[in-house]
Amino acid sequence: MQNSKFYSLITGLFVTSLVISNIIAVKIGAFGGYFLPVAVILFPITYIIGDVLTEVYGFVATRRVIWIGFFCNLLAVAAIYAAIKIPAAPFFANQTAFENILGFAPRLLAASFVAYLIGQFANSMVLSKMKVKTAGKHLWMRTIASTIVGEGLDSLIFITIAFTGVMPGAVIGGLILTQWIFKVLFEAVLTPVTYAVVKYLKKKEAIDVYDTDSGFKPFSIS
């Protein structure tokens, strides 16, 4: 992607959306009669960006961005942990609030990282394989189908790991379903935006990758 005009910018938007989502996710917001982490207003953007990356640049380029996002998020977590552990100045009166807002439980952190990797890779793989099968047609169907799979796995894995044994099974199931539906609807509503961005990038970059020979290996560095 050395000659790309927009790949670095898109990568930056992806990473920024991911890191901010994980920071603001500590707050539970009221969305009508539903209660969801406020990160739902931004985190689905990472899946839309992932769709754009896969559709235009292919799975291999998207895989690179997914791993960059993972390690940038890991760096953010390490920095926050270090900031919490550094002794506060005598006149700093907000240490407890700082820890309550930015602190994290290891279990929640593990759930977030595992769900992110599996969900994002599943999203990219489904869209990429469907692109080949459909000869690049029906982008709306491919983006929504990949989101159903990717966001479904993300919600299922995160909530199951994070809250099993803490919340009743019925509550966990309701949380998974609510988040899943919200994220898929988010993707569907923004489909016209996805179309416009994809069309613009393909024209400006003069690229439209089909992963006919990709091995779809998440850990490959080739």
C-alpha atoms as a PDB file:
ATOM      1  CA  MET A   1       0.000   0.000   0.000  1.00  0.00           C
ATOM      2  CA  GLN A   2       3.009   2.296  -0.407  1.00  0.00           C
ATOM      3  CA  ASN A   3       1.462   4.105  -3.373  1.00  0.00           C
ATOM      4  CA  SER A   4      -1.986   4.433  -1.850  1.00  0.00           C
ATOM      5  CA  LYS A   5      -3.333   7.926  -1.256  1.00  0.00           C
ATOM      6  CA  PHE A   6      -5.882   6.969   1.380  1.00  0.00           C
ATOM      7  CA  TYR A   7      -4.851   3.678   3.016  1.00  0.00           C
ATOM      8  CA  SER A   8      -2.936   5.360   5.865  1.00  0.00           C
ATOM      9  CA  LEU A   9      -5.815   7.767   6.521  1.00  0.00           C
ATOM     10  CA  ILE A  10      -8.331   4.914   6.649  1.00  0.00           C
ATOM     11  CA  THR A  11      -6.047   2.971   8.985  1.00  0.00           C
ATOM     12  CA  GLY A  12      -5.857   5.999  11.280  1.00  0.00           C
ATOM     13  CA  LEU A  13      -9.650   6.339  11.339  1.00  0.00           C
ATOM     14  CA  PHE A  14     -10.013   2.632  12.138  1.00  0.00           C
ATOM     15  CA  VAL A  15      -7.519   2.699  15.009  1.00  0.00           C
ATOM     16  CA  THR A  16      -8.920   5.934  16.448  1.00  0.00           C
ATOM     17  CA  SER A  17     -12.481   4.597  16.379  1.00  0.00           C
ATOM     18  CA  LEU A  18     -11.362   1.362  18.040  1.00  0.00           C
ATOM     19  CA  VAL A  19      -9.363   2.960  20.862  1.00  0.00           C
ATOM     20  CA  ILE A  20     -11.996   5.606  21.622  1.00  0.00           C
ATOM     21  CA  SER A  21     -14.733   2.954  21.626  1.00  0.00           C
ATOM     22  CA  ASN A  22     -12.904   0.927  24.254  1.00  0.00           C
ATOM     23  CA  ILE A  23     -12.398   4.005  26.437  1.00  0.00           C
ATOM     24  CA  ILE A  24     -16.003   5.229  26.359  1.00  0.00           C
ATOM     25  CA  ALA A  25     -17.484   1.721  26.649  1.00  0.00           C
ATOM     26  CA  VAL A  26     -17.360   2.015  30.452  1.00  0.00           C
ATOM     27  CA  LYS A  27     -20.535   4.131  30.355  1.00  0.00           C
ATOM     28  CA  ILE A  28     -23.903   2.407  29.904  1.00  0.00           C
ATOM     29  CA  GLY A  29     -26.307   4.634  28.037  1.00  0.00           C
ATOM     30  CA  ALA A  30     -30.100   4.667  27.848  1.00  0.00           C
ATOM     31  CA  PHE A  31     -31.285   4.284  24.252  1.00  0.00           C
ATOM     32  CA  GLY A  32     -35.022   4.517  24.593  1.00  0.00           C
ATOM     33  CA  GLY A  33     -35.937   1.453  26.615  1.00  0.00           C
ATOM     34  CA  TYR A  34     -32.611  -0.288  25.974  1.00  0.00           C
ATOM     35  CA  PHE A  35     -29.375  -0.004  27.905  1.00  0.00           C
ATOM     36  CA  LEU A  36     -26.141  -0.391  25.943  1.00  0.00           C
ATOM     37  CA  PRO A  37     -22.504   0.672  26.282  1.00  0.00           C
ATOM     38  CA  VAL A  38     -22.221   4.090  24.661  1.00  0.00           C
ATOM     39  CA  ALA A  39     -19.449   2.651  22.481  1.00  0.00           C
ATOM     40  CA  VAL A  40     -22.213   1.396  20.162  1.00  0.00           C
ATOM     41  CA  ILE A  41     -22.339   4.896  18.669  1.00  0.00           C
ATOM     42  CA  LEU A  42     -18.773   4.492  17.363  1.00  0.00           C
ATOM     43  CA  PHE A  43     -17.597   0.870  17.447  1.00  0.00           C
ATOM     44  CA  PRO A  44     -19.769  -0.216  14.466  1.00  0.00           C
ATOM     45  CA  ILE A  45     -17.789   2.315  12.428  1.00  0.00           C
ATOM     46  CA  THR A  46     -14.795  -0.041  12.672  1.00  0.00           C
ATOM     47  CA  TYR A  47     -16.805  -2.709  10.869  1.00  0.00           C
ATOM     48  CA  ILE A  48     -17.861  -0.269   8.161  1.00  0.00           C
ATOM     49  CA  ILE A  49     -14.230   0.757   7.711  1.00  0.00           C
ATOM     50  CA  GLY A  50     -13.301  -2.923   7.651  1.00  0.00           C
ATOM     51  CA  ASP A  51     -15.852  -3.467   4.877  1.00  0.00           C
ATOM     52  CA  VAL A  52     -14.405  -0.594   2.876  1.00  0.00           C
ATOM     53  CA  LEU A  53     -10.852  -1.861   3.331  1.00  0.00           C
ATOM     54  CA  THR A  54     -11.742  -5.409   2.293  1.00  0.00           C
ATOM     55  CA  GLU A  55     -13.851  -4.328  -0.667  1.00  0.00           C
ATOM     56  CA  VAL A  56     -11.229  -1.958  -2.078  1.00  0.00           C
ATOM     57  CA  TYR A  57      -7.834  -3.238  -0.902  1.00  0.00           C
ATOM     58  CA  GLY A  58      -8.532  -6.907  -0.139  1.00  0.00           C
ATOM     59  CA  PHE A  59      -8.193  -9.223   2.839  1.00  0.00           C
ATOM     60  CA  VAL A  60      -4.397  -9.030   3.206  1.00  0.00           C
ATOM     61  CA  ALA A  61      -4.426  -5.236   3.495  1.00  0.00           C
ATOM     62  CA  THR A  62      -7.348  -5.420   5.934  1.00  0.00           C
ATOM     63  CA  ARG A  63      -5.553  -8.045   8.029  1.00  0.00           C
ATOM     64  CA  ARG A  64      -2.673  -5.600   8.479  1.00  0.00           C
ATOM     65  CA  VAL A  65      -5.045  -2.909   9.749  1.00  0.00           C
ATOM     66  CA  ILE A  66      -6.779  -5.316  12.149  1.00  0.00           C
ATOM     67  CA  TRP A  67      -3.442  -6.193  13.746  1.00  0.00           C
ATOM     68  CA  ILE A  68      -2.343  -2.549  13.864  1.00  0.00           C
ATOM     69  CA  GLY A  69      -5.581  -1.781  15.683  1.00  0.00           C
ATOM     70  CA  PHE A  70      -4.994  -4.656  18.096  1.00  0.00           C
ATOM     71  CA  PHE A  71      -1.498  -3.531  19.075  1.00  0.00           C
ATOM     72  CA  CYS A  72      -2.452   0.155  19.268  1.00  0.00           C
ATOM     73  CA  ASN A  73      -5.298  -0.770  21.598  1.00  0.00           C
ATOM     74  CA  LEU A  74      -2.902  -2.891  23.642  1.00  0.00           C
ATOM     75  CA  LEU A  75      -0.566   0.111  23.917  1.00  0.00           C
ATOM     76  CA  ALA A  76      -3.454   2.309  25.071  1.00  0.00           C
ATOM     77  CA  VAL A  77      -4.404  -0.240  27.733  1.00  0.00           C
ATOM     78  CA  ALA A  78      -0.795  -0.497  28.944  1.00  0.00           C
ATOM     79  CA  ALA A  79      -0.485   3.297  29.128  1.00  0.00           C
ATOM     80  CA  ILE A  80      -3.746   3.624  31.078  1.00  0.00           C
ATOM     81  CA  TYR A  81      -2.664   0.870  33.480  1.00  0.00           C
ATOM     82  CA  ALA A  82       0.681   2.595  34.058  1.00  0.00           C
ATOM     83  CA  ALA A  83      -1.035   5.958  34.596  1.00  0.00           C
ATOM     84  CA  ILE A  84      -3.316   4.420  37.237  1.00  0.00           C
ATOM     85  CA  LYS A  85      -0.413   2.792  39.070  1.00  0.00           C
ATOM     86  CA  ILE A  86       1.776   5.916  39.181  1.00  0.00           C
ATOM     87  CA  PRO A  87       1.297   7.504  42.651  1.00  0.00           C
ATOM     88  CA  ALA A  88      -0.898  10.597  42.474  1.00  0.00           C
ATOM     89  CA  ALA A  89       0.400  14.009  43.474  1.00  0.00           C
ATOM     90  CA  PRO A  90      -0.772  15.112  46.947  1.00  0.00           C
ATOM     91  CA  PHE A  91      -2.976  17.828  45.441  1.00  0.00           C
ATOM     92  CA  PHE A  92      -4.589  15.514  42.837  1.00  0.00           C
ATOM     93  CA  ALA A  93      -8.004  14.759  44.324  1.00  0.00           C
ATOM     94  CA  ASN A  94      -9.467  12.650  41.535  1.00  0.00           C
ATOM     95  CA  GLN A  95      -7.461   9.426  41.706  1.00  0.00           C
ATOM     96  CA  THR A  96     -10.479   7.297  42.608  1.00  0.00           C
ATOM     97  CA  ALA A  97     -12.579   8.780  39.817  1.00  0.00           C
ATOM     98  CA  PHE A  98      -9.655   8.331  37.410  1.00  0.00           C
ATOM     99  CA  GLU A  99      -9.429   4.638  38.305  1.00  0.00           C
ATOM    100  CA  ASN A 100     -13.188   4.112  38.162  1.00  0.00           C
ATOM    101  CA  ILE A 101     -13.504   5.600  34.685  1.00  0.00           C
ATOM    102  CA  LEU A 102     -10.333   4.366  33.011  1.00  0.00           C
ATOM    103  CA  GLY A 103      -9.686   1.183  34.978  1.00  0.00           C
ATOM    104  CA  PHE A 104     -10.573  -2.219  33.617  1.00  0.00           C
ATOM    105  CA  ALA A 105     -11.026  -5.764  34.849  1.00  0.00           C
ATOM    106  CA  PRO A 106      -8.716  -8.378  33.310  1.00  0.00           C
ATOM    107  CA  ARG A 107     -11.690 -10.538  32.384  1.00  0.00           C
ATOM    108  CA  LEU A 108     -13.376  -7.712  30.477  1.00  0.00           C
ATOM    109  CA  LEU A 109     -10.115  -6.858  28.769  1.00  0.00           C
ATOM    110  CA  ALA A 110      -9.560 -10.445  27.638  1.00  0.00           C
ATOM    111  CA  ALA A 111     -13.149 -10.655  26.398  1.00  0.00           C
ATOM    112  CA  SER A 112     -12.711  -7.449  24.410  1.00  0.00           C
ATOM    113  CA  PHE A 113      -9.473  -8.506  22.719  1.00  0.00           C
ATOM    114  CA  VAL A 114     -10.688 -12.000  21.774  1.00  0.00           C
ATOM    115  CA  ALA A 115     -14.051 -10.736  20.496  1.00  0.00           C
ATOM    116  CA  TYR A 116     -12.376  -7.995  18.467  1.00  0.00           C
ATOM    117  CA  LEU A 117      -9.977 -10.297  16.630  1.00  0.00           C
ATOM    118  CA  ILE A 118     -12.522 -13.014  15.871  1.00  0.00           C
ATOM    119  CA  GLY A 119     -15.265 -10.579  14.883  1.00  0.00           C
ATOM    120  CA  GLN A 120     -13.117  -8.416  12.617  1.00  0.00           C
ATOM    121  CA  PHE A 121     -11.444 -11.327  10.834  1.00  0.00           C
ATOM    122  CA  ALA A 122     -14.783 -13.088  10.335  1.00  0.00           C
ATOM    123  CA  ASN A 123     -16.268  -9.894   8.908  1.00  0.00           C
ATOM    124  CA  SER A 124     -13.419  -9.441   6.429  1.00  0.00           C
ATOM    125  CA  MET A 125     -13.326 -13.105   5.372  1.00  0.00           C
ATOM    126  CA  VAL A 126     -17.071 -13.317   4.732  1.00  0.00           C
ATOM    127  CA  LEU A 127     -17.159 -10.144   2.678  1.00  0.00           C
ATOM    128  CA  SER A 128     -14.056 -11.105   0.697  1.00  0.00           C
ATOM    129  CA  LYS A 129     -15.283 -14.597  -0.144  1.00  0.00           C
ATOM    130  CA  MET A 130     -18.744 -13.306  -1.076  1.00  0.00           C
ATOM    131  CA  LYS A 131     -17.151 -10.722  -3.370  1.00  0.00           C
ATOM    132  CA  VAL A 132     -15.477 -13.488  -5.349  1.00  0.00           C
ATOM    133  CA  LYS A 133     -18.645 -15.601  -5.405  1.00  0.00           C
ATOM    134  CA  THR A 134     -20.832 -12.716  -6.589  1.00  0.00           C
ATOM    135  CA  ALA A 135     -18.236 -11.307  -9.015  1.00  0.00           C
ATOM    136  CA  GLY A 136     -18.229  -8.046  -7.088  1.00  0.00           C
ATOM    137  CA  LYS A 137     -21.997  -7.511  -7.278  1.00  0.00           C
ATOM    138  CA  HIS A 138     -24.519  -6.760  -4.527  1.00  0.00           C
ATOM    139  CA  LEU A 139     -22.212  -4.854  -2.163  1.00  0.00           C
ATOM    140  CA  TRP A 140     -25.136  -4.105   0.164  1.00  0.00           C
ATOM    141  CA  MET A 141     -25.809  -7.817   0.629  1.00  0.00           C
ATOM    142  CA  ARG A 142     -22.141  -8.557   1.296  1.00  0.00           C
ATOM    143  CA  THR A 143     -21.619  -5.760   3.824  1.00  0.00           C
ATOM    144  CA  ILE A 144     -24.753  -6.630   5.779  1.00  0.00           C
ATOM    145  CA  ALA A 145     -24.088 -10.388   5.690  1.00  0.00           C
ATOM    146  CA  SER A 146     -20.500  -9.933   6.856  1.00  0.00           C
ATOM    147  CA  THR A 147     -21.683  -7.621   9.637  1.00  0.00           C
ATOM    148  CA  ILE A 148     -24.280 -10.135  10.773  1.00  0.00           C
ATOM    149  CA  VAL A 149     -21.510 -12.720  11.137  1.00  0.00           C
ATOM    150  CA  GLY A 150     -18.742 -10.469  12.451  1.00  0.00           C
ATOM    151  CA  GLU A 151     -20.767  -8.350  14.863  1.00  0.00           C
ATOM    152  CA  GLY A 152     -22.727 -11.415  15.930  1.00  0.00           C
ATOM    153  CA  LEU A 153     -19.539 -13.227  16.911  1.00  0.00           C
ATOM    154  CA  ASP A 154     -18.148 -10.098  18.560  1.00  0.00           C
ATOM    155  CA  SER A 155     -21.244  -9.599  20.718  1.00  0.00           C
ATOM    156  CA  LEU A 156     -21.586 -13.296  21.520  1.00  0.00           C
ATOM    157  CA  ILE A 157     -17.954 -13.772  22.524  1.00  0.00           C
ATOM    158  CA  PHE A 158     -17.526 -10.539  24.474  1.00  0.00           C
ATOM    159  CA  ILE A 159     -20.711 -10.729  26.521  1.00  0.00           C
ATOM    160  CA  THR A 160     -20.396 -14.471  27.139  1.00  0.00           C
ATOM    161  CA  ILE A 161     -16.805 -14.261  28.389  1.00  0.00           C
ATOM    162  CA  ALA A 162     -17.366 -11.040  30.328  1.00  0.00           C
ATOM    163  CA  PHE A 163     -20.622 -11.835  32.113  1.00  0.00           C
ATOM    164  CA  THR A 164     -21.108 -15.604  32.396  1.00  0.00           C
ATOM    165  CA  GLY A 165     -21.547 -16.357  36.079  1.00  0.00           C
ATOM    166  CA  VAL A 166     -22.144 -12.673  36.808  1.00  0.00           C
ATOM    167  CA  MET A 167     -25.518 -12.221  35.128  1.00  0.00           C
ATOM    168  CA  PRO A 168     -28.413 -14.650  34.565  1.00  0.00           C
ATOM    169  CA  GLY A 169     -28.344 -16.491  31.243  1.00  0.00           C
ATOM    170  CA  ALA A 170     -31.541 -14.810  30.064  1.00  0.00           C
ATOM    171  CA  VAL A 171     -30.042 -11.363  30.660  1.00  0.00           C
ATOM    172  CA  ILE A 172     -26.858 -12.316  28.807  1.00  0.00           C
ATOM    173  CA  GLY A 173     -28.897 -13.569  25.878  1.00  0.00           C
ATOM    174  CA  GLY A 174     -30.880 -10.340  25.790  1.00  0.00           C
ATOM    175  CA  LEU A 175     -27.709  -8.233  25.814  1.00  0.00           C
ATOM    176  CA  ILE A 176     -26.185 -10.232  22.974  1.00  0.00           C
ATOM    177  CA  LEU A 177     -29.315  -9.971  20.834  1.00  0.00           C
ATOM    178  CA  THR A 178     -29.840  -6.257  21.504  1.00  0.00           C
ATOM    179  CA  GLN A 179     -26.275  -5.282  20.644  1.00  0.00           C
ATOM    180  CA  TRP A 180     -26.254  -7.521  17.602  1.00  0.00           C
ATOM    181  CA  ILE A 181     -29.451  -6.043  16.182  1.00  0.00           C
ATOM    182  CA  PHE A 182     -28.348  -2.474  16.897  1.00  0.00           C
ATOM    183  CA  LYS A 183     -24.986  -2.930  15.163  1.00  0.00           C
ATOM    184  CA  VAL A 184     -26.485  -4.611  12.102  1.00  0.00           C
ATOM    185  CA  LEU A 185     -29.099  -1.868  11.760  1.00  0.00           C
ATOM    186  CA  PHE A 186     -26.320   0.705  12.111  1.00  0.00           C
ATOM    187  CA  GLU A 187     -24.505  -0.911   9.181  1.00  0.00           C
ATOM    188  CA  ALA A 188     -27.681  -1.111   7.102  1.00  0.00           C
ATOM    189  CA  VAL A 189     -28.578   2.555   7.627  1.00  0.00           C
ATOM    190  CA  LEU A 190     -25.094   3.666   6.576  1.00  0.00           C
ATOM    191  CA  THR A 191     -24.997   1.443   3.483  1.00  0.00           C
ATOM    192  CA  PRO A 192     -25.353   4.451   1.118  1.00  0.00           C
ATOM    193  CA  VAL A 193     -22.285   5.999   2.771  1.00  0.00           C
ATOM    194  CA  THR A 194     -20.360   2.753   2.340  1.00  0.00           C
ATOM    195  CA  TYR A 195     -21.299   2.661  -1.349  1.00  0.00           C
ATOM    196  CA  ALA A 196     -20.164   6.256  -1.867  1.00  0.00           C
ATOM    197  CA  VAL A 197     -16.837   5.779  -0.106  1.00  0.00           C
ATOM    198  CA  VAL A 198     -16.080   2.504  -1.906  1.00  0.00           C
ATOM    199  CA  LYS A 199     -16.898   4.028  -5.297  1.00  0.00           C
ATOM    200  CA  TYR A 200     -14.725   7.067  -4.598  1.00  0.00           C
ATOM    201  CA  LEU A 201     -11.745   5.035  -3.386  1.00  0.00           C
ATOM    202  CA  LYS A 202     -11.845   2.565  -6.276  1.00  0.00           C
ATOM    203  CA  LYS A 203     -11.821   5.450  -8.719  1.00  0.00           C
ATOM    204  CA  LYS A 204      -9.119   7.500  -6.994  1.00  0.00           C
ATOM    205  CA  GLU A 205      -6.888   4.551  -6.110  1.00  0.00           C
ATOM    206  CA  ALA A 206      -7.519   2.678  -9.386  1.00  0.00           C
ATOM    207  CA  ILE A 207      -7.738  -0.550  -7.400  1.00  0.00           C
ATOM    208  CA  ASP A 208     -10.366  -3.219  -6.826  1.00  0.00           C
ATOM    209  CA  VAL A 209      -8.874  -6.347  -5.232  1.00  0.00           C
ATOM    210  CA  TYR A 210     -10.442  -9.793  -5.561  1.00  0.00           C
ATOM    211  CA  ASP A 211      -9.043 -12.324  -3.083  1.00  0.00           C
ATOM    212  CA  THR A 212      -9.029 -15.273  -5.457  1.00  0.00           C
ATOM    213  CA  ASP A 213      -5.681 -16.530  -4.158  1.00  0.00           C
ATOM    214  CA  SER A 214      -5.767 -15.376  -0.527  1.00  0.00           C
ATOM    215  CA  GLY A 215      -5.282 -18.048   2.117  1.00  0.00           C
ATOM    216  CA  PHE A 216      -7.295 -16.096   4.713  1.00  0.00           C
ATOM    217  CA  LYS A 217      -4.757 -16.816   7.450  1.00  0.00           C
ATOM    218  CA  PRO A 218      -5.162 -14.327  10.301  1.00  0.00           C
ATOM    219  CA  PHE A 219      -1.599 -14.813  11.565  1.00  0.00           C
ATOM    220  CA  SER A 220       0.236 -14.798   8.232  1.00  0.00           C
ATOM    221  CA  ILE A 221       2.711 -11.951   7.654  1.00  0.00           C
ATOM    222  CA  SER A 222       2.977 -12.495   3.880  1.00  0.00           C
END
